[in-house]
Amino acid sequence: MTVSAIRPADFPWLPADGFTFSLGLREDGHAWTSGHTAAALDASLGRMTVSGSMTEQARTAYRKVLTLVEAAGLSPADVTHVTENVTIAGLASYEEAVAVRREVFGDHEPAVTTVVVERLVRSAALLEIEVRASSGGGKVLAASERREAGAWIAAPVVEGHDGAVHLPTMVPVDAAGDLVAPGDFVGQYRYCLEQADVLLRRAGLSLDAAVTTYDYSTPDTRTVYRKTHHVRKDLLGGAGVYPGAGGILMSRLHHPGQLVAIDVTASRHPLELVNPGWSRYDTLTYAPGVRAGRTLYMSGFAALDMETQGALFPDDLEAQADATYRAILHLLTYAGLEAKDLVRTVEFCVARALGDYRVVAGVRERLLAPPWPASTGAICADLLRPEFLLEVFPTALYPEEA
C-alpha cells in the first residue's frame, strides 16, 4: 500500500482539500497527522477561529488528530509519538494539556516531544498537536520516568514506524527538578545529549543511532552556539554518520534559566549518509540527509547558498521559501525520491515575517505534490542566521519495494 491522504467521513473543523498540506497521511497500519490546533472554520465569519482555555483547546486538538487516526483504521492505543507545540503564552497552563493527554490515552503512553514555540499562526492558539501511530502502538524500549518539574513529565522511549525510535524532549533539568549548569549553554547542551544517550542505551542503542537532533535555544546563545561543535563531535557520529540537525531560537524555553532543549530521534536500521556533493558538510557535525530503512531523515533547510554559505534573499520570505524547498527537492532527487515522497514538513517562520507567511503556501503549491506532506507550522523568535526568515525540517519515505 502506498502513502495516501487521510480523508475522514466527517471532519467538521476544516475542509480536507484546498491546502498544500494533508490533514494526515496513512500507509497500511500507520498514520501521520499534520499539526492541529483548536482552530475551526466559523461559517458566519468565513474564517478559522480559535477560542477557549488550554484544557478546552487541548481537548479539541486531540479530538481532531484522533479523528484522523481513527479514519486511518487505528485507535488512540496505536499512537506511538506525540508532538505538543506549546506557546510561551500557554506555558503557564501547560499542565492542563498534560492532564488532557493522560485523559485521552489512559494507561497507554506514547513518546512525547514538547516544543516551546514563540506562538502559533493563529494568535489565540495555545497548543498544536501532531501524532504518529502504528498498529499495535509500537514497542516501548524504555519505560517512562515521571519527573515533576513544573509541567515537565518524561515519557517512554518508543519504537514506531520503520524502526524510528522516539525519545522525550531532552531538557537540562535533573531528576530533582533542578536546572543543570545554570548560565552555561554548552554545559546544558552536553547534558541533554548525554541524557539522550542514557535513554538510548536503556533501549539497547546509543547516540550512534541518532538520525536527527533538533535543538531549541534562545537568541542570547547565538554568540556561543558554535562551541556545540566540540560537544557534538565528542558524542555523535560514532557509527560514521552524523545525524541531521536543525537549530531554532525561542525567547524562552520550558524552565526559567533553561538555554537549550534537544529532540533526538534514532533508528534501529543502519545509517547511510545522503549528500548530493555539498562540501560544506565535510567539516560539520551534522548531515544533510540520513537514510535509515525506508526513511530519509533530513537536517533543517533554509535559504543558504551551498557553495558560498551565504544567506540568500534577505527580507524576502517568498524567495527564501522557494530556495529552501528547491534545496530539499535537490536532496530528494539525489536520493531517488520525488516531492510526493515527502511525508512530513515542519516550518518555523520568524515572528517578524509572520505577516507574509501566507506566501509560503504558494511556493509549496508550485514545488510540492499530492498527497501533500503532513505539515506543522510554528513561529519562532529567530533563527541561528539572523538573515533567515524560514527553516524547514523535512522527512521523506521511500516507497515499499514491490
Protein backbone atom coordinates (compact mmCIF):
# COMPACT_ATOMS: atom_id res chain seq x y z
CA MET A 1 0.00 0.00 0.00
CA THR A 2 1.34 3.44 -0.93
CA VAL A 3 1.08 6.54 1.25
CA SER A 4 -2.21 8.37 0.76
CA ALA A 5 -4.12 11.25 2.31
CA ILE A 6 -6.39 10.55 5.27
CA ARG A 7 -9.94 11.61 4.40
CA PRO A 8 -12.32 11.17 7.34
CA ALA A 9 -16.01 10.87 6.56
CA ASP A 10 -16.70 13.72 8.97
CA PHE A 11 -14.15 16.38 9.88
CA PRO A 12 -16.19 19.44 10.87
CA TRP A 13 -13.29 21.72 11.74
CA LEU A 14 -11.96 22.42 8.25
CA PRO A 15 -12.17 21.05 4.69
CA ALA A 16 -9.85 18.25 3.60
CA ASP A 17 -8.90 19.97 0.33
CA GLY A 18 -7.62 23.36 -0.74
CA PHE A 19 -4.35 23.28 1.19
CA THR A 20 -0.74 22.46 0.34
CA PHE A 21 -0.61 20.01 3.22
CA SER A 22 -2.67 16.96 4.05
CA LEU A 23 -4.73 16.67 7.21
CA GLY A 24 -2.78 13.47 7.67
CA LEU A 25 -1.21 10.62 5.73
CA ARG A 26 -1.66 6.88 6.00
CA GLU A 27 0.08 3.73 4.92
CA ASP A 28 -1.13 0.25 5.73
CA GLY A 29 -1.17 0.12 9.54
CA HIS A 30 0.44 3.55 10.02
CA ALA A 31 -0.62 7.20 10.18
CA TRP A 32 0.99 10.62 10.42
CA THR A 33 -1.07 13.73 11.15
CA SER A 34 -0.31 17.34 10.50
CA GLY A 35 -0.10 19.63 13.49
CA HIS A 36 -3.61 20.64 14.56
CA THR A 37 -4.74 23.36 16.94
CA ALA A 38 -8.26 24.00 18.22
CA ALA A 39 -8.92 26.14 15.11
CA ALA A 40 -12.26 25.60 13.41
CA LEU A 41 -13.98 27.22 10.45
CA ASP A 42 -16.54 29.80 11.56
CA ALA A 43 -19.01 29.84 8.66
CA SER A 44 -20.59 33.10 9.84
CA LEU A 45 -17.23 34.86 9.69
CA GLY A 46 -15.83 32.90 6.76
CA ARG A 47 -12.54 32.24 8.54
CA MET A 48 -10.81 30.00 11.03
CA THR A 49 -11.09 30.94 14.69
CA VAL A 50 -9.63 29.64 17.97
CA SER A 51 -11.02 30.13 21.45
CA GLY A 52 -11.12 28.52 24.88
CA SER A 53 -8.85 27.66 27.78
CA MET A 54 -5.84 25.40 27.49
CA THR A 55 -7.98 22.45 28.60
CA GLU A 56 -10.65 23.22 26.00
CA GLN A 57 -8.11 23.76 23.24
CA ALA A 58 -6.23 20.58 24.11
CA ARG A 59 -9.41 18.51 24.02
CA THR A 60 -10.37 19.93 20.62
CA ALA A 61 -6.89 19.45 19.17
CA TYR A 62 -6.72 15.87 20.41
CA ARG A 63 -10.21 15.20 19.08
CA LYS A 64 -9.06 16.38 15.65
CA VAL A 65 -5.88 14.30 15.45
CA LEU A 66 -7.56 11.19 16.83
CA THR A 67 -10.40 11.55 14.31
CA LEU A 68 -7.69 11.31 11.64
CA VAL A 69 -6.01 8.37 13.35
CA GLU A 70 -9.32 6.54 13.52
CA ALA A 71 -10.06 7.35 9.86
CA ALA A 72 -6.80 5.52 9.09
CA GLY A 73 -8.18 2.43 10.84
CA LEU A 74 -6.22 2.92 14.05
CA SER A 75 -7.03 3.92 17.63
CA PRO A 76 -5.56 6.04 20.45
CA ALA A 77 -3.82 2.89 21.73
CA ASP A 78 -1.88 2.77 18.44
CA VAL A 79 -0.33 6.24 18.84
CA THR A 80 3.45 5.93 19.16
CA HIS A 81 4.58 9.55 19.26
CA VAL A 82 3.00 12.89 20.16
CA THR A 83 4.44 16.33 19.48
CA GLU A 84 2.91 19.12 21.53
CA ASN A 85 3.88 22.61 20.42
CA VAL A 86 3.04 24.86 23.36
CA THR A 87 3.22 28.63 23.05
CA ILE A 88 5.03 30.84 25.51
CA ALA A 89 1.62 32.33 26.36
CA GLY A 90 0.32 28.84 27.09
CA LEU A 91 3.29 27.58 29.05
CA ALA A 92 1.88 28.53 32.46
CA SER A 93 -1.19 26.36 31.81
CA TYR A 94 0.60 23.52 30.03
CA GLU A 95 -0.12 21.13 32.90
CA GLU A 96 -3.76 21.29 31.76
CA ALA A 97 -2.72 19.90 28.35
CA VAL A 98 -0.72 17.16 30.08
CA ALA A 99 -3.85 16.23 32.05
CA VAL A 100 -5.90 16.07 28.85
CA ARG A 101 -3.27 13.84 27.25
CA ARG A 102 -3.48 11.44 30.19
CA GLU A 103 -7.27 11.55 29.94
CA VAL A 104 -7.13 10.75 26.23
CA PHE A 105 -4.60 7.90 26.38
CA GLY A 106 -5.27 6.40 29.81
CA ASP A 107 -2.72 3.69 30.55
CA HIS A 108 -1.22 3.93 27.06
CA GLU A 109 1.92 6.08 26.99
CA PRO A 110 3.30 7.28 23.66
CA ALA A 111 6.62 9.07 23.40
CA VAL A 112 6.11 12.82 23.85
CA THR A 113 8.03 15.72 22.32
CA THR A 114 7.30 19.10 23.90
CA VAL A 115 8.37 22.09 21.82
CA VAL A 116 8.05 25.57 23.27
CA VAL A 117 7.23 27.93 20.40
CA GLU A 118 7.03 31.70 20.33
CA ARG A 119 3.43 31.49 19.16
CA LEU A 120 1.32 29.70 16.59
CA VAL A 121 -0.01 31.02 13.31
CA ARG A 122 -3.38 31.78 14.90
CA SER A 123 -2.60 34.12 17.74
CA ALA A 124 -5.23 32.73 20.14
CA ALA A 125 -3.96 29.16 19.79
CA LEU A 126 -2.08 27.91 22.85
CA LEU A 127 -1.28 24.39 21.68
CA GLU A 128 -0.71 22.43 18.48
CA ILE A 129 -0.66 18.64 18.41
CA GLU A 130 0.83 16.23 15.89
CA VAL A 131 0.76 12.44 16.27
CA ARG A 132 2.15 9.32 14.64
CA ALA A 133 0.51 5.95 15.01
CA SER A 134 1.30 2.36 14.12
CA SER A 135 -0.85 -0.72 14.58
CA GLY A 136 -0.10 -2.17 18.00
CA GLY A 137 1.17 1.10 19.45
CA GLY A 138 4.82 0.48 18.69
CA LYS A 139 7.29 -1.05 21.11
CA VAL A 140 8.23 0.57 24.42
CA LEU A 141 12.02 0.31 24.64
CA ALA A 142 12.49 2.18 27.90
CA ALA A 143 9.73 2.93 30.41
CA SER A 144 8.84 6.47 31.37
CA GLU A 145 10.36 8.09 34.41
CA ARG A 146 7.98 10.60 35.93
CA ARG A 147 9.76 13.75 36.98
CA GLU A 148 7.69 16.62 38.27
CA ALA A 149 9.33 19.91 37.37
CA GLY A 150 6.59 22.38 36.53
CA ALA A 151 4.67 20.85 33.63
CA TRP A 152 7.56 18.65 32.50
CA ILE A 153 6.92 14.95 32.65
CA ALA A 154 9.28 12.49 30.98
CA ALA A 155 7.77 9.94 28.61
CA PRO A 156 8.88 6.50 27.43
CA VAL A 157 11.19 5.71 24.55
CA VAL A 158 9.06 4.13 21.82
CA GLU A 159 9.93 2.40 18.57
CA GLY A 160 7.44 3.24 15.85
CA HIS A 161 7.17 3.16 12.06
CA ASP A 162 10.16 1.80 10.13
CA GLY A 163 12.33 1.37 13.23
CA ALA A 164 12.12 5.04 14.26
CA VAL A 165 12.99 5.43 17.95
CA HIS A 166 11.31 8.42 19.60
CA LEU A 167 12.71 9.97 22.77
CA PRO A 168 11.09 12.53 25.04
CA THR A 169 12.42 16.07 24.74
CA MET A 170 15.77 16.40 26.48
CA VAL A 171 15.95 19.38 28.87
CA PRO A 172 18.78 20.38 31.25
CA VAL A 173 16.76 19.61 34.38
CA ASP A 174 17.75 16.79 36.71
CA ALA A 175 15.52 14.23 38.41
CA ALA A 176 15.01 16.57 41.37
CA GLY A 177 13.71 19.30 39.07
CA ASP A 178 16.84 21.45 39.37
CA LEU A 179 18.37 23.29 36.42
CA VAL A 180 21.72 21.83 35.34
CA ALA A 181 24.70 24.11 34.57
CA PRO A 182 22.94 27.46 35.11
CA GLY A 183 24.16 30.08 32.65
CA ASP A 184 26.29 27.54 30.75
CA PHE A 185 24.78 26.91 27.31
CA VAL A 186 27.41 24.40 26.24
CA GLY A 187 27.15 22.55 29.54
CA GLN A 188 23.38 22.32 29.20
CA TYR A 189 23.75 21.16 25.59
CA ARG A 190 26.15 18.40 26.62
CA TYR A 191 23.87 17.30 29.45
CA CYS A 192 20.89 16.96 27.09
CA LEU A 193 22.81 14.80 24.61
CA GLU A 194 24.31 12.69 27.39
CA GLN A 195 20.86 12.06 28.83
CA ALA A 196 19.63 11.07 25.37
CA ASP A 197 22.47 8.55 25.25
CA VAL A 198 21.44 7.19 28.66
CA LEU A 199 17.90 6.61 27.41
CA LEU A 200 19.07 5.06 24.16
CA ARG A 201 21.39 2.67 25.99
CA ARG A 202 18.45 1.54 28.11
CA ALA A 203 16.76 0.82 24.80
CA GLY A 204 19.72 -1.21 23.59
CA LEU A 205 21.06 1.56 21.34
CA SER A 206 23.23 4.68 21.75
CA LEU A 207 23.68 8.12 20.25
CA ASP A 208 25.43 6.35 17.36
CA ALA A 209 21.89 5.51 16.18
CA ALA A 210 20.69 9.15 16.15
CA VAL A 211 19.22 10.26 12.82
CA THR A 212 18.18 13.80 13.81
CA THR A 213 18.95 16.22 16.63
CA TYR A 214 16.76 19.31 16.51
CA ASP A 215 17.68 21.86 19.15
CA TYR A 216 15.89 24.88 20.53
CA SER A 217 17.79 27.66 22.26
CA THR A 218 17.46 31.38 22.98
CA PRO A 219 18.74 34.37 20.96
CA ASP A 220 21.38 35.12 23.60
CA THR A 221 23.10 31.79 22.84
CA ARG A 222 23.98 32.81 19.28
CA THR A 223 27.40 34.11 20.31
CA VAL A 224 28.45 30.76 21.82
CA TYR A 225 26.43 28.37 19.66
CA ARG A 226 29.46 27.33 17.58
CA LYS A 227 31.00 25.80 20.70
CA THR A 228 28.45 22.98 20.47
CA HIS A 229 30.57 21.65 17.59
CA HIS A 230 33.01 20.14 20.09
CA VAL A 231 30.20 18.54 22.12
CA ARG A 232 28.63 17.05 19.02
CA LYS A 233 31.99 15.80 17.77
CA ASP A 234 32.57 14.09 21.14
CA LEU A 235 29.17 12.45 21.40
CA LEU A 236 27.76 11.95 17.89
CA GLY A 237 28.74 10.22 14.67
CA GLY A 238 30.25 7.15 16.31
CA ALA A 239 28.81 4.92 13.58
CA GLY A 240 30.46 7.04 10.88
CA VAL A 241 27.37 9.13 10.08
CA TYR A 242 26.38 12.31 11.87
CA PRO A 243 22.64 12.89 12.30
CA GLY A 244 20.67 15.59 10.57
CA ALA A 245 20.26 18.72 12.68
CA GLY A 246 18.37 21.97 13.00
CA GLY A 247 18.52 24.94 15.34
CA ILE A 248 15.63 27.23 16.27
CA LEU A 249 15.58 30.19 18.67
CA MET A 250 12.73 30.95 21.09
CA SER A 251 12.67 33.84 23.56
CA ARG A 252 12.26 31.34 26.43
CA LEU A 253 12.03 27.59 26.94
CA HIS A 254 10.39 25.13 29.34
CA HIS A 255 12.05 26.35 32.57
CA PRO A 256 13.46 29.65 33.86
CA GLY A 257 17.16 29.79 33.06
CA GLN A 258 16.97 27.00 30.51
CA LEU A 259 19.13 27.72 27.47
CA VAL A 260 18.50 24.66 25.30
CA ALA A 261 16.19 21.71 24.64
CA ILE A 262 17.03 18.92 22.21
CA ASP A 263 14.75 16.48 20.40
CA VAL A 264 16.58 13.33 19.37
CA THR A 265 15.24 10.67 17.02
CA ALA A 266 17.14 7.44 16.44
CA SER A 267 16.66 4.38 14.25
CA ARG A 268 17.01 0.63 14.56
CA HIS A 269 18.35 0.47 11.00
CA PRO A 270 21.92 1.02 9.79
CA LEU A 271 22.55 4.65 8.84
CA GLU A 272 23.56 5.83 5.38
CA LEU A 273 24.80 9.35 4.63
CA VAL A 274 22.85 11.12 1.88
CA ASN A 275 24.75 14.13 0.49
CA PRO A 276 24.50 15.25 -3.14
CA GLY A 277 28.01 16.69 -3.03
CA TRP A 278 27.60 19.69 -0.74
CA SER A 279 31.17 20.09 0.53
CA ARG A 280 30.14 22.41 3.37
CA TYR A 281 29.05 19.34 5.34
CA ASP A 282 32.54 17.80 5.20
CA THR A 283 33.60 19.67 8.33
CA LEU A 284 30.23 19.87 10.11
CA THR A 285 28.85 17.62 12.82
CA TYR A 286 25.57 17.05 11.02
CA ALA A 287 24.49 15.63 7.68
CA PRO A 288 22.09 16.99 5.07
CA GLY A 289 20.31 13.63 4.98
CA VAL A 290 20.44 10.24 6.66
CA ARG A 291 18.73 7.18 5.26
CA ALA A 292 17.65 4.54 7.77
CA GLY A 293 15.47 1.77 6.41
CA ARG A 294 12.84 3.34 4.15
CA THR A 295 13.04 6.75 5.81
CA LEU A 296 15.11 9.74 4.72
CA TYR A 297 15.68 12.00 7.73
CA MET A 298 16.92 15.49 6.89
CA SER A 299 18.53 18.48 8.52
CA GLY A 300 16.73 21.79 8.76
CA PHE A 301 16.90 23.72 5.49
CA ALA A 302 16.91 27.48 4.97
CA ALA A 303 17.79 29.80 2.08
CA LEU A 304 21.52 29.08 2.03
CA ASP A 305 23.92 29.11 -0.89
CA MET A 306 25.54 25.70 -0.51
CA GLU A 307 28.75 26.85 -2.22
CA THR A 308 29.40 30.27 -0.67
CA GLN A 309 27.43 29.54 2.54
CA GLY A 310 25.87 32.98 2.22
CA ALA A 311 22.26 33.65 3.14
CA LEU A 312 20.01 34.21 0.14
CA PHE A 313 17.27 36.80 -0.43
CA PRO A 314 17.35 38.78 2.84
CA ASP A 315 13.92 40.14 3.83
CA ASP A 316 12.11 38.22 1.05
CA LEU A 317 10.17 35.34 2.59
CA GLU A 318 8.74 34.05 -0.68
CA ALA A 319 12.16 33.87 -2.35
CA GLN A 320 13.65 32.25 0.75
CA ALA A 321 10.87 29.66 0.83
CA ASP A 322 11.47 28.91 -2.86
CA ALA A 323 15.22 28.47 -2.32
CA THR A 324 14.62 26.34 0.78
CA TYR A 325 12.21 23.93 -0.87
CA ARG A 326 14.35 23.71 -4.02
CA ALA A 327 17.30 22.62 -1.86
CA ILE A 328 15.11 19.97 -0.22
CA LEU A 329 13.96 18.76 -3.65
CA HIS A 330 17.56 18.65 -4.85
CA LEU A 331 18.41 16.31 -1.99
CA LEU A 332 15.30 14.22 -2.67
CA THR A 333 16.21 13.88 -6.35
CA TYR A 334 19.74 12.79 -5.47
CA ALA A 335 18.25 10.22 -3.09
CA GLY A 336 16.00 8.83 -5.84
CA LEU A 337 12.83 10.39 -4.43
CA GLU A 338 10.27 12.97 -5.51
CA ALA A 339 8.21 15.71 -3.89
CA LYS A 340 5.33 13.26 -3.43
CA ASP A 341 7.54 11.16 -1.17
CA LEU A 342 7.70 13.87 1.49
CA VAL A 343 5.65 12.66 4.45
CA ARG A 344 6.37 15.45 6.92
CA THR A 345 7.45 19.08 6.95
CA VAL A 346 7.79 21.31 9.98
CA GLU A 347 8.10 25.00 9.15
CA PHE A 348 9.46 27.60 11.56
CA CYS A 349 8.81 31.18 10.47
CA VAL A 350 10.40 34.06 12.39
CA ALA A 351 7.95 36.34 14.17
CA ARG A 352 8.91 39.43 12.17
CA ALA A 353 7.89 37.69 8.92
CA LEU A 354 4.57 36.30 10.15
CA GLY A 355 2.57 38.87 8.18
CA ASP A 356 3.97 37.39 4.95
CA TYR A 357 3.77 33.71 5.95
CA ARG A 358 0.89 33.02 3.56
CA VAL A 359 3.27 33.33 0.59
CA VAL A 360 4.91 30.05 1.61
CA ALA A 361 1.74 28.18 0.62
CA GLY A 362 2.15 29.43 -2.94
CA VAL A 363 5.71 28.12 -3.04
CA ARG A 364 4.58 24.74 -1.72
CA GLU A 365 1.84 24.60 -4.35
CA ARG A 366 4.41 25.17 -7.13
CA LEU A 367 7.05 22.78 -5.85
CA LEU A 368 5.37 20.04 -3.81
CA ALA A 369 2.79 17.49 -4.89
CA PRO A 370 -0.20 15.44 -3.71
CA PRO A 371 -0.87 13.67 -1.46
CA TRP A 372 0.94 16.63 0.18
CA PRO A 373 3.03 16.05 3.30
CA ALA A 374 1.62 16.13 6.80
CA SER A 375 2.78 19.55 7.94
CA THR A 376 3.15 21.71 11.00
CA GLY A 377 3.88 25.42 11.15
CA ALA A 378 5.04 27.45 14.14
CA ILE A 379 6.51 30.85 14.87
CA CYS A 380 9.96 31.27 16.39
CA ALA A 381 11.76 34.28 17.84
CA ASP A 382 14.60 33.96 15.33
CA LEU A 383 16.92 31.55 13.53
CA LEU A 384 20.63 30.95 14.01
CA ARG A 385 21.46 33.06 10.96
CA PRO A 386 19.67 36.39 11.50
CA GLU A 387 19.15 36.78 7.74
CA PHE A 388 16.92 33.69 7.61
CA LEU A 389 13.15 34.02 7.83
CA LEU A 390 12.20 30.34 7.43
CA GLU A 391 13.62 26.95 8.34
CA VAL A 392 12.04 23.64 7.32
CA PHE A 393 12.54 20.21 8.88
CA PRO A 394 11.57 17.62 6.21
CA THR A 395 11.18 13.82 6.27
CA ALA A 396 10.60 11.55 3.26
CA LEU A 397 9.72 7.90 2.81
CA TYR A 398 10.95 5.51 0.14
CA PRO A 399 8.10 3.56 -1.48
CA GLU A 400 7.74 -0.04 -0.45
CA GLU A 401 9.50 -2.43 -2.78
CA ALA A 402 7.19 -4.44 -4.97
